[in-house]
Amino acid sequence: MLVRVALAAATLVLAPLQCGHTPEAELREDETPGDALWQLALTFHDRHNAAAEMVTLKYLVDPYPARRWESPARDELARLGAHLDGGGPVL
């Protein structure tokens, strides 16, 4: 009985080491929706389509706050002179 308790305790102590975690963004193999939206905004920027770029960036900020891209999206929107009204993107 003592062996079972010790084994259970050891398992619980080591459990956090076995649990998965979200890898660093650079190491992730799968693209998140926020990553895809950021790339789309960059594509619109490269094609000089400021209106589409702003809509995409606004969508990154509100209503879909992609935490990794929210700050860069806000910075880019400020550079473009866009005003965030909290009403969501105009599609």
PDB file of N, CA and C in Angstrom:
ATOM      1  N   MET A   1       0.814  -1.189   0.000  1.00  0.00           N
ATOM      2  CA  MET A   1       0.000   0.000   0.000  1.00  0.00           C
ATOM      3  C   MET A   1       0.864   1.261   0.000  1.00  0.00           C
ATOM      4  N   LEU A   2       1.916   1.281   0.786  1.00  0.00           N
ATOM      5  CA  LEU A   2       2.819   2.421   0.844  1.00  0.00           C
ATOM      6  C   LEU A   2       3.489   2.650  -0.508  1.00  0.00           C
ATOM      7  N   VAL A   3       3.774   1.579  -1.222  1.00  0.00           N
ATOM      8  CA  VAL A   3       4.397   1.687  -2.539  1.00  0.00           C
ATOM      9  C   VAL A   3       3.439   2.380  -3.513  1.00  0.00           C
ATOM     10  N   ARG A   4       2.157   2.028  -3.444  1.00  0.00           N
ATOM     11  CA  ARG A   4       1.171   2.664  -4.320  1.00  0.00           C
ATOM     12  C   ARG A   4       1.049   4.149  -4.030  1.00  0.00           C
ATOM     13  N   VAL A   5       1.042   4.515  -2.777  1.00  0.00           N
ATOM     14  CA  VAL A   5       0.947   5.925  -2.401  1.00  0.00           C
ATOM     15  C   VAL A   5       2.185   6.677  -2.886  1.00  0.00           C
ATOM     16  N   ALA A   6       3.343   6.098  -2.722  1.00  0.00           N
ATOM     17  CA  ALA A   6       4.583   6.723  -3.178  1.00  0.00           C
ATOM     18  C   ALA A   6       4.582   6.869  -4.694  1.00  0.00           C
ATOM     19  N   LEU A   7       4.110   5.838  -5.396  1.00  0.00           N
ATOM     20  CA  LEU A   7       4.044   5.888  -6.851  1.00  0.00           C
ATOM     21  C   LEU A   7       3.055   6.963  -7.316  1.00  0.00           C
ATOM     22  N   ALA A   8       1.913   7.050  -6.660  1.00  0.00           N
ATOM     23  CA  ALA A   8       0.925   8.074  -6.994  1.00  0.00           C
ATOM     24  C   ALA A   8       1.474   9.471  -6.734  1.00  0.00           C
ATOM     25  N   ALA A   9       2.162   9.652  -5.642  1.00  0.00           N
ATOM     26  CA  ALA A   9       2.750  10.954  -5.316  1.00  0.00           C
ATOM     27  C   ALA A   9       3.811  11.339  -6.342  1.00  0.00           C
ATOM     28  N   ALA A  10       4.643  10.380  -6.723  1.00  0.00           N
ATOM     29  CA  ALA A  10       5.681  10.643  -7.725  1.00  0.00           C
ATOM     30  C   ALA A  10       5.061  11.012  -9.064  1.00  0.00           C
ATOM     31  N   THR A  11       3.989  10.340  -9.403  1.00  0.00           N
ATOM     32  CA  THR A  11       3.299  10.636 -10.662  1.00  0.00           C
ATOM     33  C   THR A  11       2.737  12.049 -10.654  1.00  0.00           C
ATOM     34  N   LEU A  12       2.133  12.450  -9.552  1.00  0.00           N
ATOM     35  CA  LEU A  12       1.570  13.790  -9.457  1.00  0.00           C
ATOM     36  C   LEU A  12       2.651  14.868  -9.494  1.00  0.00           C
ATOM     37  N   VAL A  13       3.783  14.580  -8.877  1.00  0.00           N
ATOM     38  CA  VAL A  13       4.880  15.547  -8.854  1.00  0.00           C
ATOM     39  C   VAL A  13       5.465  15.719 -10.249  1.00  0.00           C
ATOM     40  N   LEU A  14       5.561  14.633 -11.006  1.00  0.00           N
ATOM     41  CA  LEU A  14       6.148  14.689 -12.345  1.00  0.00           C
ATOM     42  C   LEU A  14       5.148  15.078 -13.429  1.00  0.00           C
ATOM     43  N   ALA A  15       3.867  15.112 -13.134  1.00  0.00           N
ATOM     44  CA  ALA A  15       2.831  15.385 -14.131  1.00  0.00           C
ATOM     45  C   ALA A  15       3.044  16.705 -14.881  1.00  0.00           C
ATOM     46  N   PRO A  16       3.385  17.794 -14.203  1.00  0.00           N
ATOM     47  CA  PRO A  16       3.581  19.040 -14.961  1.00  0.00           C
ATOM     48  C   PRO A  16       4.686  18.927 -16.003  1.00  0.00           C
ATOM     49  N   LEU A  17       5.657  18.091 -15.776  1.00  0.00           N
ATOM     50  CA  LEU A  17       6.727  17.924 -16.749  1.00  0.00           C
ATOM     51  C   LEU A  17       6.257  17.157 -17.981  1.00  0.00           C
ATOM     52  N   GLN A  18       5.202  16.381 -17.828  1.00  0.00           N
ATOM     53  CA  GLN A  18       4.696  15.582 -18.925  1.00  0.00           C
ATOM     54  C   GLN A  18       3.638  16.310 -19.738  1.00  0.00           C
ATOM     55  N   CYS A  19       3.019  17.302 -19.159  1.00  0.00           N
ATOM     56  CA  CYS A  19       1.932  17.997 -19.845  1.00  0.00           C
ATOM     57  C   CYS A  19       2.490  18.844 -20.977  1.00  0.00           C
ATOM     58  N   GLY A  20       1.722  18.895 -22.048  1.00  0.00           N
ATOM     59  CA  GLY A  20       2.131  19.697 -23.187  1.00  0.00           C
ATOM     60  C   GLY A  20       1.999  21.174 -22.900  1.00  0.00           C
ATOM     61  N   HIS A  21       2.635  21.973 -23.703  1.00  0.00           N
ATOM     62  CA  HIS A  21       2.541  23.416 -23.584  1.00  0.00           C
ATOM     63  C   HIS A  21       2.579  24.008 -24.983  1.00  0.00           C
ATOM     64  N   THR A  22       2.206  25.235 -25.078  1.00  0.00           N
ATOM     65  CA  THR A  22       2.249  25.923 -26.361  1.00  0.00           C
ATOM     66  C   THR A  22       3.688  26.332 -26.630  1.00  0.00           C
ATOM     67  N   PRO A  23       4.258  25.868 -27.738  1.00  0.00           N
ATOM     68  CA  PRO A  23       5.644  26.222 -28.026  1.00  0.00           C
ATOM     69  C   PRO A  23       5.776  27.692 -28.406  1.00  0.00           C
ATOM     70  N   GLU A  24       6.981  28.155 -28.381  1.00  0.00           N
ATOM     71  CA  GLU A  24       7.253  29.529 -28.792  1.00  0.00           C
ATOM     72  C   GLU A  24       6.727  29.729 -30.208  1.00  0.00           C
ATOM     73  N   ALA A  25       6.350  30.945 -30.530  1.00  0.00           N
ATOM     74  CA  ALA A  25       5.752  31.230 -31.832  1.00  0.00           C
ATOM     75  C   ALA A  25       6.670  30.825 -32.979  1.00  0.00           C
ATOM     76  N   GLU A  26       7.978  31.006 -32.800  1.00  0.00           N
ATOM     77  CA  GLU A  26       8.927  30.680 -33.860  1.00  0.00           C
ATOM     78  C   GLU A  26       9.022  29.171 -34.090  1.00  0.00           C
ATOM     79  N   LEU A  27       8.695  28.392 -33.060  1.00  0.00           N
ATOM     80  CA  LEU A  27       8.829  26.943 -33.147  1.00  0.00           C
ATOM     81  C   LEU A  27       7.520  26.254 -33.536  1.00  0.00           C
ATOM     82  N   ARG A  28       6.424  26.990 -33.517  1.00  0.00           N
ATOM     83  CA  ARG A  28       5.128  26.408 -33.847  1.00  0.00           C
ATOM     84  C   ARG A  28       5.082  26.017 -35.310  1.00  0.00           C
ATOM     85  N   GLU A  29       4.531  24.863 -35.599  1.00  0.00           N
ATOM     86  CA  GLU A  29       4.412  24.421 -36.977  1.00  0.00           C
ATOM     87  C   GLU A  29       3.085  24.869 -37.590  1.00  0.00           C
ATOM     88  N   ASP A  30       2.067  25.027 -36.760  1.00  0.00           N
ATOM     89  CA  ASP A  30       0.756  25.409 -37.255  1.00  0.00           C
ATOM     90  C   ASP A  30       0.567  26.908 -37.135  1.00  0.00           C
ATOM     91  N   GLU A  31      -0.083  27.472 -38.120  1.00  0.00           N
ATOM     92  CA  GLU A  31      -0.366  28.889 -38.125  1.00  0.00           C
ATOM     93  C   GLU A  31      -1.668  29.139 -37.364  1.00  0.00           C
ATOM     94  N   THR A  32      -1.667  30.148 -36.530  1.00  0.00           N
ATOM     95  CA  THR A  32      -2.891  30.514 -35.815  1.00  0.00           C
ATOM     96  C   THR A  32      -3.700  31.466 -36.707  1.00  0.00           C
ATOM     97  N   PRO A  33      -4.981  31.646 -36.413  1.00  0.00           N
ATOM     98  CA  PRO A  33      -5.761  32.621 -37.184  1.00  0.00           C
ATOM     99  C   PRO A  33      -5.152  34.022 -37.128  1.00  0.00           C
ATOM    100  N   GLY A  34      -4.621  34.405 -35.969  1.00  0.00           N
ATOM    101  CA  GLY A  34      -3.975  35.713 -35.859  1.00  0.00           C
ATOM    102  C   GLY A  34      -2.760  35.828 -36.770  1.00  0.00           C
ATOM    103  N   ASP A  35      -1.964  34.760 -36.854  1.00  0.00           N
ATOM    104  CA  ASP A  35      -0.805  34.763 -37.753  1.00  0.00           C
ATOM    105  C   ASP A  35      -1.248  34.953 -39.200  1.00  0.00           C
ATOM    106  N   ALA A  36      -2.309  34.237 -39.585  1.00  0.00           N
ATOM    107  CA  ALA A  36      -2.814  34.328 -40.955  1.00  0.00           C
ATOM    108  C   ALA A  36      -3.325  35.738 -41.256  1.00  0.00           C
ATOM    109  N   LEU A  37      -4.046  36.329 -40.300  1.00  0.00           N
ATOM    110  CA  LEU A  37      -4.550  37.684 -40.512  1.00  0.00           C
ATOM    111  C   LEU A  37      -3.412  38.698 -40.614  1.00  0.00           C
ATOM    112  N   TRP A  38      -2.382  38.524 -39.803  1.00  0.00           N
ATOM    113  CA  TRP A  38      -1.233  39.436 -39.866  1.00  0.00           C
ATOM    114  C   TRP A  38      -0.559  39.330 -41.234  1.00  0.00           C
ATOM    115  N   GLN A  39      -0.370  38.108 -41.724  1.00  0.00           N
ATOM    116  CA  GLN A  39       0.238  37.908 -43.042  1.00  0.00           C
ATOM    117  C   GLN A  39      -0.640  38.515 -44.140  1.00  0.00           C
ATOM    118  N   LEU A  40      -1.948  38.378 -43.992  1.00  0.00           N
ATOM    119  CA  LEU A  40      -2.864  38.974 -44.962  1.00  0.00           C
ATOM    120  C   LEU A  40      -2.732  40.493 -44.963  1.00  0.00           C
ATOM    121  N   ALA A  41      -2.642  41.091 -43.778  1.00  0.00           N
ATOM    122  CA  ALA A  41      -2.466  42.547 -43.687  1.00  0.00           C
ATOM    123  C   ALA A  41      -1.161  42.976 -44.355  1.00  0.00           C
ATOM    124  N   LEU A  42      -0.097  42.192 -44.157  1.00  0.00           N
ATOM    125  CA  LEU A  42       1.180  42.512 -44.805  1.00  0.00           C
ATOM    126  C   LEU A  42       1.075  42.407 -46.322  1.00  0.00           C
ATOM    127  N   THR A  43       0.317  41.425 -46.793  1.00  0.00           N
ATOM    128  CA  THR A  43       0.115  41.271 -48.235  1.00  0.00           C
ATOM    129  C   THR A  43      -0.618  42.485 -48.796  1.00  0.00           C
ATOM    130  N   PHE A  44      -1.674  42.935 -48.106  1.00  0.00           N
ATOM    131  CA  PHE A  44      -2.385  44.131 -48.550  1.00  0.00           C
ATOM    132  C   PHE A  44      -1.468  45.349 -48.527  1.00  0.00           C
ATOM    133  N   HIS A  45      -0.609  45.441 -47.517  1.00  0.00           N
ATOM    134  CA  HIS A  45       0.345  46.549 -47.438  1.00  0.00           C
ATOM    135  C   HIS A  45       1.283  46.533 -48.644  1.00  0.00           C
ATOM    136  N   ASP A  46       1.816  45.353 -48.954  1.00  0.00           N
ATOM    137  CA  ASP A  46       2.732  45.218 -50.088  1.00  0.00           C
ATOM    138  C   ASP A  46       2.065  45.572 -51.415  1.00  0.00           C
ATOM    139  N   ARG A  47       0.752  45.344 -51.480  1.00  0.00           N
ATOM    140  CA  ARG A  47       0.000  45.638 -52.710  1.00  0.00           C
ATOM    141  C   ARG A  47      -0.598  47.045 -52.703  1.00  0.00           C
ATOM    142  N   HIS A  48      -0.229  47.846 -51.707  1.00  0.00           N
ATOM    143  CA  HIS A  48      -0.678  49.237 -51.584  1.00  0.00           C
ATOM    144  C   HIS A  48      -2.201  49.341 -51.502  1.00  0.00           C
ATOM    145  N   ASN A  49      -2.816  48.381 -50.817  1.00  0.00           N
ATOM    146  CA  ASN A  49      -4.262  48.395 -50.606  1.00  0.00           C
ATOM    147  C   ASN A  49      -4.511  48.746 -49.137  1.00  0.00           C
ATOM    148  N   ALA A  50      -4.428  50.047 -48.845  1.00  0.00           N
ATOM    149  CA  ALA A  50      -4.512  50.517 -47.463  1.00  0.00           C
ATOM    150  C   ALA A  50      -5.871  50.224 -46.832  1.00  0.00           C
ATOM    151  N   ALA A  51      -6.940  50.312 -47.616  1.00  0.00           N
ATOM    152  CA  ALA A  51      -8.279  50.068 -47.057  1.00  0.00           C
ATOM    153  C   ALA A  51      -8.403  48.624 -46.575  1.00  0.00           C
ATOM    154  N   ALA A  52      -7.976  47.680 -47.391  1.00  0.00           N
ATOM    155  CA  ALA A  52      -8.050  46.265 -47.000  1.00  0.00           C
ATOM    156  C   ALA A  52      -7.104  45.976 -45.840  1.00  0.00           C
ATOM    157  N   GLU A  53      -5.949  46.625 -45.847  1.00  0.00           N
ATOM    158  CA  GLU A  53      -4.993  46.448 -44.750  1.00  0.00           C
ATOM    159  C   GLU A  53      -5.609  46.922 -43.433  1.00  0.00           C
ATOM    160  N   MET A  54      -6.274  48.079 -43.466  1.00  0.00           N
ATOM    161  CA  MET A  54      -6.885  48.605 -42.236  1.00  0.00           C
ATOM    162  C   MET A  54      -7.996  47.700 -41.721  1.00  0.00           C
ATOM    163  N   VAL A  55      -8.838  47.207 -42.613  1.00  0.00           N
ATOM    164  CA  VAL A  55      -9.916  46.318 -42.187  1.00  0.00           C
ATOM    165  C   VAL A  55      -9.340  45.071 -41.535  1.00  0.00           C
ATOM    166  N   THR A  56      -8.302  44.516 -42.131  1.00  0.00           N
ATOM    167  CA  THR A  56      -7.684  43.307 -41.592  1.00  0.00           C
ATOM    168  C   THR A  56      -7.044  43.584 -40.236  1.00  0.00           C
ATOM    169  N   LEU A  57      -6.334  44.696 -40.116  1.00  0.00           N
ATOM    170  CA  LEU A  57      -5.703  45.053 -38.841  1.00  0.00           C
ATOM    171  C   LEU A  57      -6.754  45.315 -37.765  1.00  0.00           C
ATOM    172  N   LYS A  58      -7.849  45.971 -38.132  1.00  0.00           N
ATOM    173  CA  LYS A  58      -8.916  46.224 -37.163  1.00  0.00           C
ATOM    174  C   LYS A  58      -9.515  44.905 -36.672  1.00  0.00           C
ATOM    175  N   TYR A  59      -9.592  43.933 -37.568  1.00  0.00           N
ATOM    176  CA  TYR A  59     -10.128  42.639 -37.169  1.00  0.00           C
ATOM    177  C   TYR A  59      -9.189  41.933 -36.203  1.00  0.00           C
ATOM    178  N   LEU A  60      -7.884  42.176 -36.327  1.00  0.00           N
ATOM    179  CA  LEU A  60      -6.922  41.619 -35.378  1.00  0.00           C
ATOM    180  C   LEU A  60      -7.084  42.229 -33.997  1.00  0.00           C
ATOM    181  N   VAL A  61      -7.499  43.477 -33.954  1.00  0.00           N
ATOM    182  CA  VAL A  61      -7.627  44.193 -32.687  1.00  0.00           C
ATOM    183  C   VAL A  61      -9.001  43.979 -32.071  1.00  0.00           C
ATOM    184  N   ASP A  62     -10.051  44.075 -32.892  1.00  0.00           N
ATOM    185  CA  ASP A  62     -11.413  44.009 -32.381  1.00  0.00           C
ATOM    186  C   ASP A  62     -12.313  43.576 -33.520  1.00  0.00           C
ATOM    187  N   PRO A  63     -13.064  42.577 -33.449  1.00  0.00           N
ATOM    188  CA  PRO A  63     -13.562  41.785 -32.343  1.00  0.00           C
ATOM    189  C   PRO A  63     -12.743  40.530 -32.059  1.00  0.00           C
ATOM    190  N   TYR A  64     -11.715  40.261 -32.833  1.00  0.00           N
ATOM    191  CA  TYR A  64     -10.912  39.057 -32.640  1.00  0.00           C
ATOM    192  C   TYR A  64      -9.548  39.470 -32.109  1.00  0.00           C
ATOM    193  N   PRO A  65      -9.415  39.675 -30.825  1.00  0.00           N
ATOM    194  CA  PRO A  65      -8.130  40.155 -30.306  1.00  0.00           C
ATOM    195  C   PRO A  65      -7.063  39.060 -30.297  1.00  0.00           C
ATOM    196  N   ALA A  66      -6.254  39.024 -31.336  1.00  0.00           N
ATOM    197  CA  ALA A  66      -5.150  38.075 -31.401  1.00  0.00           C
ATOM    198  C   ALA A  66      -4.023  38.670 -30.562  1.00  0.00           C
ATOM    199  N   ARG A  67      -3.892  38.213 -29.355  1.00  0.00           N
ATOM    200  CA  ARG A  67      -3.004  38.847 -28.378  1.00  0.00           C
ATOM    201  C   ARG A  67      -1.583  39.050 -28.897  1.00  0.00           C
ATOM    202  N   ARG A  68      -1.074  38.128 -29.645  1.00  0.00           N
ATOM    203  CA  ARG A  68       0.294  38.266 -30.149  1.00  0.00           C
ATOM    204  C   ARG A  68       0.396  39.422 -31.139  1.00  0.00           C
ATOM    205  N   TRP A  69      -0.654  39.657 -31.896  1.00  0.00           N
ATOM    206  CA  TRP A  69      -0.604  40.658 -32.954  1.00  0.00           C
ATOM    207  C   TRP A  69      -1.357  41.938 -32.614  1.00  0.00           C
ATOM    208  N   GLU A  70      -2.002  41.999 -31.457  1.00  0.00           N
ATOM    209  CA  GLU A  70      -2.812  43.167 -31.136  1.00  0.00           C
ATOM    210  C   GLU A  70      -1.976  44.450 -31.069  1.00  0.00           C
ATOM    211  N   SER A  71      -0.865  44.410 -30.377  1.00  0.00           N
ATOM    212  CA  SER A  71      -0.038  45.611 -30.249  1.00  0.00           C
ATOM    213  C   SER A  71       0.560  46.044 -31.588  1.00  0.00           C
ATOM    214  N   PRO A  72       1.177  45.129 -32.367  1.00  0.00           N
ATOM    215  CA  PRO A  72       1.681  45.566 -33.677  1.00  0.00           C
ATOM    216  C   PRO A  72       0.567  46.068 -34.598  1.00  0.00           C
ATOM    217  N   ALA A  73      -0.612  45.436 -34.514  1.00  0.00           N
ATOM    218  CA  ALA A  73      -1.733  45.878 -35.350  1.00  0.00           C
ATOM    219  C   ALA A  73      -2.160  47.289 -34.959  1.00  0.00           C
ATOM    220  N   ARG A  74      -2.237  47.558 -33.649  1.00  0.00           N
ATOM    221  CA  ARG A  74      -2.594  48.905 -33.193  1.00  0.00           C
ATOM    222  C   ARG A  74      -1.555  49.937 -33.655  1.00  0.00           C
ATOM    223  N   ASP A  75      -0.280  49.581 -33.567  1.00  0.00           N
ATOM    224  CA  ASP A  75       0.778  50.492 -34.011  1.00  0.00           C
ATOM    225  C   ASP A  75       0.649  50.801 -35.506  1.00  0.00           C
ATOM    226  N   GLU A  76       0.388  49.764 -36.285  1.00  0.00           N
ATOM    227  CA  GLU A  76       0.255  49.944 -37.731  1.00  0.00           C
ATOM    228  C   GLU A  76      -0.986  50.765 -38.071  1.00  0.00           C
ATOM    229  N   LEU A  77      -2.088  50.521 -37.354  1.00  0.00           N
ATOM    230  CA  LEU A  77      -3.297  51.317 -37.569  1.00  0.00           C
ATOM    231  C   LEU A  77      -3.050  52.786 -37.237  1.00  0.00           C
ATOM    232  N   ALA A  78      -2.308  53.045 -36.183  1.00  0.00           N
ATOM    233  CA  ALA A  78      -1.981  54.429 -35.821  1.00  0.00           C
ATOM    234  C   ALA A  78      -1.144  55.075 -36.923  1.00  0.00           C
ATOM    235  N   ARG A  79      -0.217  54.297 -37.475  1.00  0.00           N
ATOM    236  CA  ARG A  79       0.621  54.809 -38.566  1.00  0.00           C
ATOM    237  C   ARG A  79      -0.236  55.148 -39.785  1.00  0.00           C
ATOM    238  N   LEU A  80      -1.257  54.330 -40.032  1.00  0.00           N
ATOM    239  CA  LEU A  80      -2.147  54.546 -41.173  1.00  0.00           C
ATOM    240  C   LEU A  80      -3.182  55.637 -40.897  1.00  0.00           C
ATOM    241  N   GLY A  81      -3.265  56.090 -39.647  1.00  0.00           N
ATOM    242  CA  GLY A  81      -4.208  57.135 -39.286  1.00  0.00           C
ATOM    243  C   GLY A  81      -5.618  56.626 -39.056  1.00  0.00           C
ATOM    244  N   ALA A  82      -5.750  55.340 -38.803  1.00  0.00           N
ATOM    245  CA  ALA A  82      -7.071  54.764 -38.559  1.00  0.00           C
ATOM    246  C   ALA A  82      -7.499  55.042 -37.135  1.00  0.00           C
ATOM    247  N   HIS A  83      -8.776  55.219 -36.950  1.00  0.00           N
ATOM    248  CA  HIS A  83      -9.339  55.444 -35.622  1.00  0.00           C
ATOM    249  C   HIS A  83     -10.116  54.203 -35.223  1.00  0.00           C
ATOM    250  N   LEU A  84      -9.814  53.659 -34.051  1.00  0.00           N
ATOM    251  CA  LEU A  84     -10.537  52.497 -33.550  1.00  0.00           C
ATOM    252  C   LEU A  84     -11.741  53.009 -32.768  1.00  0.00           C
ATOM    253  N   ASP A  85     -12.923  52.631 -33.246  1.00  0.00           N
ATOM    254  CA  ASP A  85     -14.127  53.117 -32.574  1.00  0.00           C
ATOM    255  C   ASP A  85     -14.763  52.037 -31.720  1.00  0.00           C
ATOM    256  N   GLY A  86     -14.205  50.831 -31.726  1.00  0.00           N
ATOM    257  CA  GLY A  86     -14.763  49.761 -30.920  1.00  0.00           C
ATOM    258  C   GLY A  86     -15.965  49.100 -31.543  1.00  0.00           C
ATOM    259  N   GLY A  87     -16.342  49.530 -32.754  1.00  0.00           N
ATOM    260  CA  GLY A  87     -17.512  48.979 -33.399  1.00  0.00           C
ATOM    261  C   GLY A  87     -17.208  47.788 -34.285  1.00  0.00           C
ATOM    262  N   GLY A  88     -16.001  47.348 -34.328  1.00  0.00           N
ATOM    263  CA  GLY A  88     -15.657  46.212 -35.163  1.00  0.00           C
ATOM    264  C   GLY A  88     -15.301  46.663 -36.569  1.00  0.00           C
ATOM    265  N   PRO A  89     -14.829  45.749 -37.366  1.00  0.00           N
ATOM    266  CA  PRO A  89     -14.388  46.107 -38.722  1.00  0.00           C
ATOM    267  C   PRO A  89     -15.578  46.341 -39.645  1.00  0.00           C
ATOM    268  N   VAL A  90     -15.353  47.137 -40.635  1.00  0.00           N
ATOM    269  CA  VAL A  90     -16.349  47.364 -41.663  1.00  0.00           C
ATOM    270  C   VAL A  90     -15.983  46.441 -42.814  1.00  0.00           C
ATOM    271  N   LEU A  91     -16.842  45.473 -43.068  1.00  0.00           N
ATOM    272  CA  LEU A  91     -16.558  44.519 -44.139  1.00  0.00           C
ATOM    273  C   LEU A  91     -17.405  44.795 -45.356  1.00  0.00           C
TER     274      LEU A  91
END
